[in-house]
Structure formats: structure tokens, C-alpha cells
Amino acid sequence: MKMARSLFYYQHQREDDSAIIDALHTLLEKHPRYGFWALFDRLRRKGFGWNHKRVYRVYKALGLNLRRKTKKRIPARIKQPLLQLTDPNRVWSMDFMSDSLYSGRRYRLLNVIDEFNRELLDVEVDTSLPAIRVIKTLERICDWRGNPTAIRVDNGPEFISHKLAQWCEIRKIDLQFNRPGTPTDNARVERFNGSFRRELLDAYLFNSLSEVRMMAEEWMIDYNTERSHDALGKLTPIEFLERYNQETEKVTLLTV
């Protein structure tokens, strides 16, 4: 066959491309919209000396040369620990709930609590609660309660809105986000939501939003003034706040 024995027995030894694959995936996690040449330029800037032909072969093998549609992603969230709070207005928590009227019409509720004494500050009820309504609710609470140091929220579209972020920045309020898929980061309001649903939303059939608002208002007054909490030493939220105010006044008098 006029073929050299060495050629007949030769087997191509392809180099390990795992390092290139890892480097490409790392870049794409941070820059999902980059094409090949942008990625290759980044690799060269990082000091990798791979030939562009080899990198492009791996790029195609991974299917990255195909047109891909990526979803918008939220930034990485840092876990904010649930600290034992020592004074009110340190951290508020807010979260959405949803339910339906007897007619089947869906509606939403926005609950805002003070984590210090578990006090329910407000319940906003409507069929739609965009970021503007969230801001108006917070402004209404701040008018009589004062500004909090921080507000803990999840990653809902109303909470990641630039309007809410701008409002918090103007008032110097730290907006703390849960990590995606970890409702335990906001455990206090999640615990509250469970009680609210069991005792009100699942207990009654509502025919109109006005009925929901009226019953939610009555439930909030009872929750804040009549219902004791084990975490508060069997005191109601208002009693716990009053005791705090009395102790603060005593300390102030002793200091003076």
C-alpha cells in the first residue's frame, strides 16, 4: 500500500481542552452576551496563550456559536443574617401575598412588618401593586413611624425596581435582598404570612376588595394589640414596644 508502518499505527493524541472549557464558562457566567472574539480577547488579556483556532473549535463544540437567548439575571445576593434586633425601625420586612375573591378575581396583598416587635405596620390590598404603590405605602408608614434603617425584601419585580432603589437611596434606607430561592432569609415575614393566610385568607370567602381591606384592618388591630407572641415573652407587639419605650426613658433619666 506504500504506507509507512508508523503512519498506519499512528493515533492522534488530542490535547485536553478542559481548561479552555472552564475558562469559557467562567467568562460566559459574567458576560453572557459576549461573542467569540470578545471572549477570545478576554482570554488573551488573562494571559492564556491558546491559538484562536483551537479556542474556536472548543467554542463550536460547546454550541456557543449558535444564537442563544439568555434571560436577564439578578446580581448575586449576599446573605443578610437575622439578627436579634434591639430597637424599632432597625429592619422592616415586606412581602407579597395573593388570593382570589369568591368570583375568582385575583388580588394581591403587601404586608409590611417591623422585625423588632413583629408589629404589622400596614396591609395594602389591590388587584395590582406596582412599584409606585409600594413606595406610596412606605411613605404613608414613614409619615407616622419614621424611616427604617433597612428594608428586607425578596427579588420580586416590584422590589428590584429602580424607582424603589432611588426612593430608598434618597431616604438613606438600606434595601436588603434575599438570595434567590431562599425564603428563610426573610423568615420573620414568611412566618407572619403563614399566620395571616391561615387565620384570615383561608378562613373567609370575600366578595369584594373592600371586604378584604376591612377584614385585614380588623385583623391587623387584633394582631398588634391582642395577640401575644412567644418570641416577645408572651407580649403583644404594642405591649413589647411600650415596654421598650419605658425602659429607654428610664435609661435616659438615669443618664441625665
C-alpha atoms as a PDB file:
ATOM      1  CA  MET A   1       0.000   0.000   0.000  1.00  0.00           C
ATOM      2  CA  LYS A   2       3.120   2.183   0.011  1.00  0.00           C
ATOM      3  CA  MET A   3       2.210   3.378   3.572  1.00  0.00           C
ATOM      4  CA  ALA A   4       4.789   3.751   6.297  1.00  0.00           C
ATOM      5  CA  ARG A   5       4.356   1.420   9.258  1.00  0.00           C
ATOM      6  CA  SER A   6       4.493   4.418  11.669  1.00  0.00           C
ATOM      7  CA  LEU A   7       1.664   6.152   9.766  1.00  0.00           C
ATOM      8  CA  PHE A   8      -0.501   3.027   9.902  1.00  0.00           C
ATOM      9  CA  TYR A   9      -0.175   2.716  13.662  1.00  0.00           C
ATOM     10  CA  TYR A  10      -0.336   6.455  14.412  1.00  0.00           C
ATOM     11  CA  GLN A  11      -3.187   7.590  16.701  1.00  0.00           C
ATOM     12  CA  HIS A  12      -3.951  11.262  17.051  1.00  0.00           C
ATOM     13  CA  GLN A  13      -3.404  12.488  20.595  1.00  0.00           C
ATOM     14  CA  ARG A  14      -5.796  15.429  21.118  1.00  0.00           C
ATOM     15  CA  GLU A  15      -4.878  17.813  23.902  1.00  0.00           C
ATOM     16  CA  ASP A  16      -7.089  18.126  26.937  1.00  0.00           C
ATOM     17  CA  ASP A  17      -9.491  21.035  26.391  1.00  0.00           C
ATOM     18  CA  SER A  18     -10.991  21.085  29.890  1.00  0.00           C
ATOM     19  CA  ALA A  19      -9.055  24.230  30.822  1.00  0.00           C
ATOM     20  CA  ILE A  20     -10.449  26.073  27.786  1.00  0.00           C
ATOM     21  CA  ILE A  21     -13.978  24.866  28.562  1.00  0.00           C
ATOM     22  CA  ASP A  22     -13.732  26.053  32.168  1.00  0.00           C
ATOM     23  CA  ALA A  23     -12.329  29.413  31.106  1.00  0.00           C
ATOM     24  CA  LEU A  24     -15.115  29.958  28.548  1.00  0.00           C
ATOM     25  CA  HIS A  25     -17.853  29.012  31.022  1.00  0.00           C
ATOM     26  CA  THR A  26     -16.371  31.322  33.640  1.00  0.00           C
ATOM     27  CA  LEU A  27     -16.396  34.244  31.228  1.00  0.00           C
ATOM     28  CA  LEU A  28     -19.909  33.484  29.986  1.00  0.00           C
ATOM     29  CA  GLU A  29     -21.297  33.484  33.524  1.00  0.00           C
ATOM     30  CA  LYS A  30     -20.228  37.100  33.865  1.00  0.00           C
ATOM     31  CA  HIS A  31     -20.632  38.145  30.206  1.00  0.00           C
ATOM     32  CA  PRO A  32     -23.449  36.011  28.713  1.00  0.00           C
ATOM     33  CA  ARG A  33     -23.844  38.294  25.677  1.00  0.00           C
ATOM     34  CA  TYR A  34     -20.236  38.092  24.505  1.00  0.00           C
ATOM     35  CA  GLY A  35     -19.375  36.540  21.140  1.00  0.00           C
ATOM     36  CA  PHE A  36     -16.275  34.558  20.237  1.00  0.00           C
ATOM     37  CA  TRP A  37     -13.837  37.377  19.565  1.00  0.00           C
ATOM     38  CA  ALA A  38     -14.816  39.263  22.718  1.00  0.00           C
ATOM     39  CA  LEU A  39     -14.297  36.074  24.731  1.00  0.00           C
ATOM     40  CA  PHE A  40     -11.008  35.322  22.982  1.00  0.00           C
ATOM     41  CA  ASP A  41      -9.766  38.834  23.703  1.00  0.00           C
ATOM     42  CA  ARG A  42     -10.613  38.357  27.374  1.00  0.00           C
ATOM     43  CA  LEU A  43      -8.720  35.064  27.443  1.00  0.00           C
ATOM     44  CA  ARG A  44      -5.647  36.715  25.948  1.00  0.00           C
ATOM     45  CA  ARG A  45      -5.840  39.545  28.488  1.00  0.00           C
ATOM     46  CA  LYS A  46      -5.915  36.961  31.263  1.00  0.00           C
ATOM     47  CA  GLY A  47      -2.659  35.508  29.955  1.00  0.00           C
ATOM     48  CA  PHE A  48      -3.905  32.376  28.172  1.00  0.00           C
ATOM     49  CA  GLY A  49      -1.873  31.629  25.048  1.00  0.00           C
ATOM     50  CA  TRP A  50      -4.202  29.241  23.228  1.00  0.00           C
ATOM     51  CA  ASN A  51      -4.417  29.612  19.461  1.00  0.00           C
ATOM     52  CA  HIS A  52      -7.660  31.186  18.269  1.00  0.00           C
ATOM     53  CA  LYS A  53      -8.339  28.175  16.007  1.00  0.00           C
ATOM     54  CA  ARG A  54      -8.201  25.797  18.933  1.00  0.00           C
ATOM     55  CA  VAL A  55     -10.386  28.030  21.100  1.00  0.00           C
ATOM     56  CA  TYR A  56     -12.917  28.404  18.266  1.00  0.00           C
ATOM     57  CA  ARG A  57     -13.038  24.614  17.819  1.00  0.00           C
ATOM     58  CA  VAL A  58     -13.950  24.227  21.502  1.00  0.00           C
ATOM     59  CA  TYR A  59     -16.324  27.194  21.222  1.00  0.00           C
ATOM     60  CA  LYS A  60     -18.225  25.451  18.409  1.00  0.00           C
ATOM     61  CA  ALA A  61     -18.153  22.063  20.129  1.00  0.00           C
ATOM     62  CA  LEU A  62     -19.928  23.632  23.118  1.00  0.00           C
ATOM     63  CA  GLY A  63     -22.591  25.046  20.794  1.00  0.00           C
ATOM     64  CA  LEU A  64     -21.711  28.600  21.747  1.00  0.00           C
ATOM     65  CA  ASN A  65     -21.550  29.704  18.129  1.00  0.00           C
ATOM     66  CA  LEU A  66     -25.313  29.167  17.871  1.00  0.00           C
ATOM     67  CA  ARG A  67     -27.578  32.092  18.531  1.00  0.00           C
ATOM     68  CA  ARG A  68     -28.675  31.931  22.137  1.00  0.00           C
ATOM     69  CA  LYS A  69     -31.297  33.837  24.046  1.00  0.00           C
ATOM     70  CA  THR A  70     -30.397  34.482  27.661  1.00  0.00           C
ATOM     71  CA  LYS A  71     -32.687  35.685  30.417  1.00  0.00           C
ATOM     72  CA  LYS A  72     -31.953  38.729  32.475  1.00  0.00           C
ATOM     73  CA  ARG A  73     -30.354  37.719  35.727  1.00  0.00           C
ATOM     74  CA  ILE A  74     -30.319  39.416  39.096  1.00  0.00           C
ATOM     75  CA  PRO A  75     -26.974  40.152  40.735  1.00  0.00           C
ATOM     76  CA  ALA A  76     -25.594  37.753  43.309  1.00  0.00           C
ATOM     77  CA  ARG A  77     -27.168  38.404  46.698  1.00  0.00           C
ATOM     78  CA  ILE A  78     -25.250  38.365  49.967  1.00  0.00           C
ATOM     79  CA  LYS A  79     -26.910  36.612  52.887  1.00  0.00           C
ATOM     80  CA  GLN A  80     -28.165  39.066  55.491  1.00  0.00           C
ATOM     81  CA  PRO A  81     -28.343  37.289  58.887  1.00  0.00           C
ATOM     82  CA  LEU A  82     -31.466  37.568  61.037  1.00  0.00           C
ATOM     83  CA  LEU A  83     -30.028  39.454  63.973  1.00  0.00           C
ATOM     84  CA  GLN A  84     -31.658  39.907  67.366  1.00  0.00           C
ATOM     85  CA  LEU A  85     -32.810  43.494  66.992  1.00  0.00           C
ATOM     86  CA  THR A  86     -32.503  45.888  69.926  1.00  0.00           C
ATOM     87  CA  ASP A  87     -34.681  48.780  68.809  1.00  0.00           C
ATOM     88  CA  PRO A  88     -37.626  49.520  66.496  1.00  0.00           C
ATOM     89  CA  ASN A  89     -37.269  50.801  62.942  1.00  0.00           C
ATOM     90  CA  ARG A  90     -33.986  48.967  62.548  1.00  0.00           C
ATOM     91  CA  VAL A  91     -35.246  46.463  59.951  1.00  0.00           C
ATOM     92  CA  TRP A  92     -38.619  46.269  58.229  1.00  0.00           C
ATOM     93  CA  SER A  93     -39.662  43.300  56.130  1.00  0.00           C
ATOM     94  CA  MET A  94     -42.224  43.317  53.350  1.00  0.00           C
ATOM     95  CA  ASP A  95     -43.603  40.642  51.099  1.00  0.00           C
ATOM     96  CA  PHE A  96     -46.458  39.993  48.698  1.00  0.00           C
ATOM     97  CA  MET A  97     -49.283  37.510  49.045  1.00  0.00           C
ATOM     98  CA  SER A  98     -52.025  36.638  46.577  1.00  0.00           C
ATOM     99  CA  ASP A  99     -55.505  35.182  46.790  1.00  0.00           C
ATOM    100  CA  SER A 100     -58.812  35.313  44.928  1.00  0.00           C
ATOM    101  CA  LEU A 101     -62.312  36.601  45.593  1.00  0.00           C
ATOM    102  CA  TYR A 102     -65.348  34.328  45.543  1.00  0.00           C
ATOM    103  CA  SER A 103     -65.865  35.352  41.894  1.00  0.00           C
ATOM    104  CA  GLY A 104     -62.380  34.079  41.027  1.00  0.00           C
ATOM    105  CA  ARG A 105     -60.851  37.522  40.577  1.00  0.00           C
ATOM    106  CA  ARG A 106     -57.266  37.555  41.772  1.00  0.00           C
ATOM    107  CA  TYR A 107     -55.879  40.193  44.115  1.00  0.00           C
ATOM    108  CA  ARG A 108     -52.601  40.873  45.909  1.00  0.00           C
ATOM    109  CA  LEU A 109     -51.610  41.976  49.384  1.00  0.00           C
ATOM    110  CA  LEU A 110     -48.453  43.778  50.500  1.00  0.00           C
ATOM    111  CA  ASN A 111     -47.537  43.145  54.143  1.00  0.00           C
ATOM    112  CA  VAL A 112     -45.019  45.337  55.965  1.00  0.00           C
ATOM    113  CA  ILE A 113     -43.790  44.390  59.445  1.00  0.00           C
ATOM    114  CA  ASP A 114     -41.217  45.729  61.897  1.00  0.00           C
ATOM    115  CA  GLU A 115     -38.940  42.814  62.755  1.00  0.00           C
ATOM    116  CA  PHE A 116     -38.131  44.269  66.184  1.00  0.00           C
ATOM    117  CA  ASN A 117     -41.557  43.678  67.739  1.00  0.00           C
ATOM    118  CA  ARG A 118     -43.248  41.749  64.870  1.00  0.00           C
ATOM    119  CA  GLU A 119     -45.716  44.638  64.503  1.00  0.00           C
ATOM    120  CA  LEU A 120     -47.784  44.688  61.332  1.00  0.00           C
ATOM    121  CA  LEU A 121     -47.340  48.218  60.037  1.00  0.00           C
ATOM    122  CA  ASP A 122     -49.673  48.082  57.049  1.00  0.00           C
ATOM    123  CA  VAL A 123     -51.517  45.811  54.627  1.00  0.00           C
ATOM    124  CA  GLU A 124     -52.075  47.129  51.104  1.00  0.00           C
ATOM    125  CA  VAL A 125     -54.743  45.334  49.060  1.00  0.00           C
ATOM    126  CA  ASP A 126     -55.471  45.677  45.344  1.00  0.00           C
ATOM    127  CA  THR A 127     -55.573  43.759  42.080  1.00  0.00           C
ATOM    128  CA  SER A 128     -52.235  45.302  41.068  1.00  0.00           C
ATOM    129  CA  LEU A 129     -49.471  46.660  43.290  1.00  0.00           C
ATOM    130  CA  PRO A 130     -46.645  48.060  41.140  1.00  0.00           C
ATOM    131  CA  ALA A 131     -43.516  49.706  42.497  1.00  0.00           C
ATOM    132  CA  ILE A 132     -45.230  53.109  42.694  1.00  0.00           C
ATOM    133  CA  ARG A 133     -47.887  51.692  45.058  1.00  0.00           C
ATOM    134  CA  VAL A 134     -45.175  50.058  47.149  1.00  0.00           C
ATOM    135  CA  ILE A 135     -43.433  53.425  47.516  1.00  0.00           C
ATOM    136  CA  LYS A 136     -46.688  55.196  48.451  1.00  0.00           C
ATOM    137  CA  THR A 137     -47.380  52.560  51.099  1.00  0.00           C
ATOM    138  CA  LEU A 138     -43.913  53.004  52.578  1.00  0.00           C
ATOM    139  CA  GLU A 139     -44.272  56.787  52.551  1.00  0.00           C
ATOM    140  CA  ARG A 140     -47.548  56.511  54.409  1.00  0.00           C
ATOM    141  CA  ILE A 141     -45.935  54.334  57.074  1.00  0.00           C
ATOM    142  CA  CYS A 142     -42.865  56.562  57.361  1.00  0.00           C
ATOM    143  CA  ASP A 143     -45.079  59.597  57.990  1.00  0.00           C
ATOM    144  CA  TRP A 144     -46.179  58.207  61.376  1.00  0.00           C
ATOM    145  CA  ARG A 145     -43.490  55.640  62.151  1.00  0.00           C
ATOM    146  CA  GLY A 146     -40.310  57.251  60.872  1.00  0.00           C
ATOM    147  CA  ASN A 147     -37.772  55.887  58.409  1.00  0.00           C
ATOM    148  CA  PRO A 148     -36.277  52.445  58.977  1.00  0.00           C
ATOM    149  CA  THR A 149     -32.568  51.733  58.760  1.00  0.00           C
ATOM    150  CA  ALA A 150     -33.116  48.840  56.345  1.00  0.00           C
ATOM    151  CA  ILE A 151     -35.913  47.051  54.498  1.00  0.00           C
ATOM    152  CA  ARG A 152     -35.652  43.326  53.781  1.00  0.00           C
ATOM    153  CA  VAL A 153     -37.329  42.091  50.563  1.00  0.00           C
ATOM    154  CA  ASP A 154     -37.203  39.260  48.040  1.00  0.00           C
ATOM    155  CA  ASN A 155     -36.317  39.622  44.359  1.00  0.00           C
ATOM    156  CA  GLY A 156     -39.797  40.374  43.009  1.00  0.00           C
ATOM    157  CA  PRO A 157     -40.037  42.811  40.074  1.00  0.00           C
ATOM    158  CA  GLU A 158     -41.627  45.487  42.271  1.00  0.00           C
ATOM    159  CA  PHE A 159     -38.746  45.307  44.759  1.00  0.00           C
ATOM    160  CA  ILE A 160     -35.870  45.333  42.246  1.00  0.00           C
ATOM    161  CA  SER A 161     -37.389  48.357  40.502  1.00  0.00           C
ATOM    162  CA  HIS A 162     -35.021  51.297  40.091  1.00  0.00           C
ATOM    163  CA  LYS A 163     -37.804  53.559  41.404  1.00  0.00           C
ATOM    164  CA  LEU A 164     -37.807  51.825  44.785  1.00  0.00           C
ATOM    165  CA  ALA A 165     -33.999  51.778  44.853  1.00  0.00           C
ATOM    166  CA  GLN A 166     -33.910  55.505  44.144  1.00  0.00           C
ATOM    167  CA  TRP A 167     -36.507  56.219  46.824  1.00  0.00           C
ATOM    168  CA  CYS A 168     -34.508  54.245  49.407  1.00  0.00           C
ATOM    169  CA  GLU A 169     -31.290  55.987  48.391  1.00  0.00           C
ATOM    170  CA  ILE A 170     -32.867  59.417  48.894  1.00  0.00           C
ATOM    171  CA  ARG A 171     -34.096  58.411  52.373  1.00  0.00           C
ATOM    172  CA  LYS A 172     -30.819  56.622  53.173  1.00  0.00           C
ATOM    173  CA  ILE A 173     -32.533  53.267  53.659  1.00  0.00           C
ATOM    174  CA  ASP A 174     -30.559  50.087  53.028  1.00  0.00           C
ATOM    175  CA  LEU A 175     -32.520  47.768  50.717  1.00  0.00           C
ATOM    176  CA  GLN A 176     -31.548  44.190  51.627  1.00  0.00           C
ATOM    177  CA  PHE A 177     -32.400  41.392  49.168  1.00  0.00           C
ATOM    178  CA  ASN A 178     -32.880  37.691  49.888  1.00  0.00           C
ATOM    179  CA  ARG A 179     -30.810  35.184  47.995  1.00  0.00           C
ATOM    180  CA  PRO A 180     -32.912  33.655  45.172  1.00  0.00           C
ATOM    181  CA  GLY A 181     -34.744  30.514  46.255  1.00  0.00           C
ATOM    182  CA  THR A 182     -34.072  31.030  49.966  1.00  0.00           C
ATOM    183  CA  PRO A 183     -37.217  32.359  51.682  1.00  0.00           C
ATOM    184  CA  THR A 184     -35.578  31.603  55.044  1.00  0.00           C
ATOM    185  CA  ASP A 185     -33.517  34.763  54.542  1.00  0.00           C
ATOM    186  CA  ASN A 186     -36.751  36.617  55.290  1.00  0.00           C
ATOM    187  CA  ALA A 187     -38.072  34.128  57.831  1.00  0.00           C
ATOM    188  CA  ARG A 188     -39.925  36.588  60.062  1.00  0.00           C
ATOM    189  CA  VAL A 189     -42.243  37.913  57.376  1.00  0.00           C
ATOM    190  CA  GLU A 190     -42.666  34.392  55.948  1.00  0.00           C
ATOM    191  CA  ARG A 191     -43.743  33.220  59.410  1.00  0.00           C
ATOM    192  CA  PHE A 192     -46.175  36.120  59.574  1.00  0.00           C
ATOM    193  CA  ASN A 193     -47.574  35.317  56.128  1.00  0.00           C
ATOM    194  CA  GLY A 194     -48.396  31.800  57.297  1.00  0.00           C
ATOM    195  CA  SER A 195     -50.465  33.093  60.217  1.00  0.00           C
ATOM    196  CA  PHE A 196     -52.137  35.719  58.048  1.00  0.00           C
ATOM    197  CA  ARG A 197     -53.199  33.152  55.477  1.00  0.00           C
ATOM    198  CA  ARG A 198     -54.451  30.576  57.972  1.00  0.00           C
ATOM    199  CA  GLU A 199     -56.392  32.992  60.132  1.00  0.00           C
ATOM    200  CA  LEU A 200     -57.811  35.339  57.517  1.00  0.00           C
ATOM    201  CA  LEU A 201     -57.421  34.467  53.841  1.00  0.00           C
ATOM    202  CA  ASP A 202     -58.186  30.738  54.219  1.00  0.00           C
ATOM    203  CA  ALA A 203     -60.863  31.310  56.838  1.00  0.00           C
ATOM    204  CA  TYR A 204     -63.222  33.588  54.875  1.00  0.00           C
ATOM    205  CA  LEU A 205     -64.744  33.963  51.425  1.00  0.00           C
ATOM    206  CA  PHE A 206     -64.565  37.549  50.203  1.00  0.00           C
ATOM    207  CA  ASN A 207     -66.888  39.046  47.615  1.00  0.00           C
ATOM    208  CA  SER A 208     -65.062  42.354  47.083  1.00  0.00           C
ATOM    209  CA  LEU A 209     -61.783  44.104  47.746  1.00  0.00           C
ATOM    210  CA  SER A 210     -63.494  46.413  50.232  1.00  0.00           C
ATOM    211  CA  GLU A 211     -64.352  43.361  52.347  1.00  0.00           C
ATOM    212  CA  VAL A 212     -60.737  42.209  52.216  1.00  0.00           C
ATOM    213  CA  ARG A 213     -59.482  45.648  53.263  1.00  0.00           C
ATOM    214  CA  MET A 214     -61.981  45.902  56.116  1.00  0.00           C
ATOM    215  CA  MET A 215     -61.215  42.429  57.485  1.00  0.00           C
ATOM    216  CA  ALA A 216     -57.471  42.943  57.061  1.00  0.00           C
ATOM    217  CA  GLU A 217     -57.689  46.175  59.046  1.00  0.00           C
ATOM    218  CA  GLU A 218     -59.586  44.448  61.873  1.00  0.00           C
ATOM    219  CA  TRP A 219     -57.158  41.525  61.853  1.00  0.00           C
ATOM    220  CA  MET A 220     -54.163  43.897  61.983  1.00  0.00           C
ATOM    221  CA  ILE A 221     -55.526  45.712  65.046  1.00  0.00           C
ATOM    222  CA  ASP A 222     -56.187  42.425  66.817  1.00  0.00           C
ATOM    223  CA  TYR A 223     -52.758  41.053  65.824  1.00  0.00           C
ATOM    224  CA  ASN A 224     -50.912  44.106  67.127  1.00  0.00           C
ATOM    225  CA  THR A 225     -52.883  44.711  70.326  1.00  0.00           C
ATOM    226  CA  GLU A 226     -54.406  41.402  71.482  1.00  0.00           C
ATOM    227  CA  ARG A 227     -52.315  38.531  70.188  1.00  0.00           C
ATOM    228  CA  SER A 228     -49.313  37.539  72.335  1.00  0.00           C
ATOM    229  CA  HIS A 229     -46.099  36.163  70.835  1.00  0.00           C
ATOM    230  CA  ASP A 230     -43.780  33.578  72.327  1.00  0.00           C
ATOM    231  CA  ALA A 231     -40.801  35.370  70.789  1.00  0.00           C
ATOM    232  CA  LEU A 232     -41.827  38.555  72.629  1.00  0.00           C
ATOM    233  CA  GLY A 233     -42.200  36.898  76.031  1.00  0.00           C
ATOM    234  CA  LYS A 234     -45.964  36.438  75.699  1.00  0.00           C
ATOM    235  CA  LEU A 235     -46.457  40.143  74.984  1.00  0.00           C
ATOM    236  CA  THR A 236     -48.327  41.673  72.080  1.00  0.00           C
ATOM    237  CA  PRO A 237     -46.323  43.757  69.582  1.00  0.00           C
ATOM    238  CA  ILE A 238     -47.694  47.014  71.012  1.00  0.00           C
ATOM    239  CA  GLU A 239     -47.007  45.925  74.618  1.00  0.00           C
ATOM    240  CA  PHE A 240     -43.460  44.957  73.679  1.00  0.00           C
ATOM    241  CA  LEU A 241     -42.919  48.351  72.042  1.00  0.00           C
ATOM    242  CA  GLU A 242     -44.367  50.179  75.059  1.00  0.00           C
ATOM    243  CA  ARG A 243     -42.060  48.267  77.407  1.00  0.00           C
ATOM    244  CA  TYR A 244     -39.092  49.212  75.219  1.00  0.00           C
ATOM    245  CA  ASN A 245     -40.111  52.895  75.301  1.00  0.00           C
ATOM    246  CA  GLN A 246     -40.466  52.822  79.104  1.00  0.00           C
ATOM    247  CA  GLU A 247     -37.048  51.222  79.581  1.00  0.00           C
ATOM    248  CA  THR A 248     -35.490  53.728  77.179  1.00  0.00           C
ATOM    249  CA  GLU A 249     -36.988  56.620  79.140  1.00  0.00           C
ATOM    250  CA  LYS A 250     -35.623  55.211  82.414  1.00  0.00           C
ATOM    251  CA  VAL A 251     -32.132  54.894  80.939  1.00  0.00           C
ATOM    252  CA  THR A 252     -32.336  58.444  79.610  1.00  0.00           C
ATOM    253  CA  LEU A 253     -33.374  59.831  83.023  1.00  0.00           C
ATOM    254  CA  LEU A 254     -30.593  57.941  84.782  1.00  0.00           C
ATOM    255  CA  THR A 255     -28.068  59.225  82.289  1.00  0.00           C
ATOM    256  CA  VAL A 256     -29.209  62.827  82.756  1.00  0.00           C
END
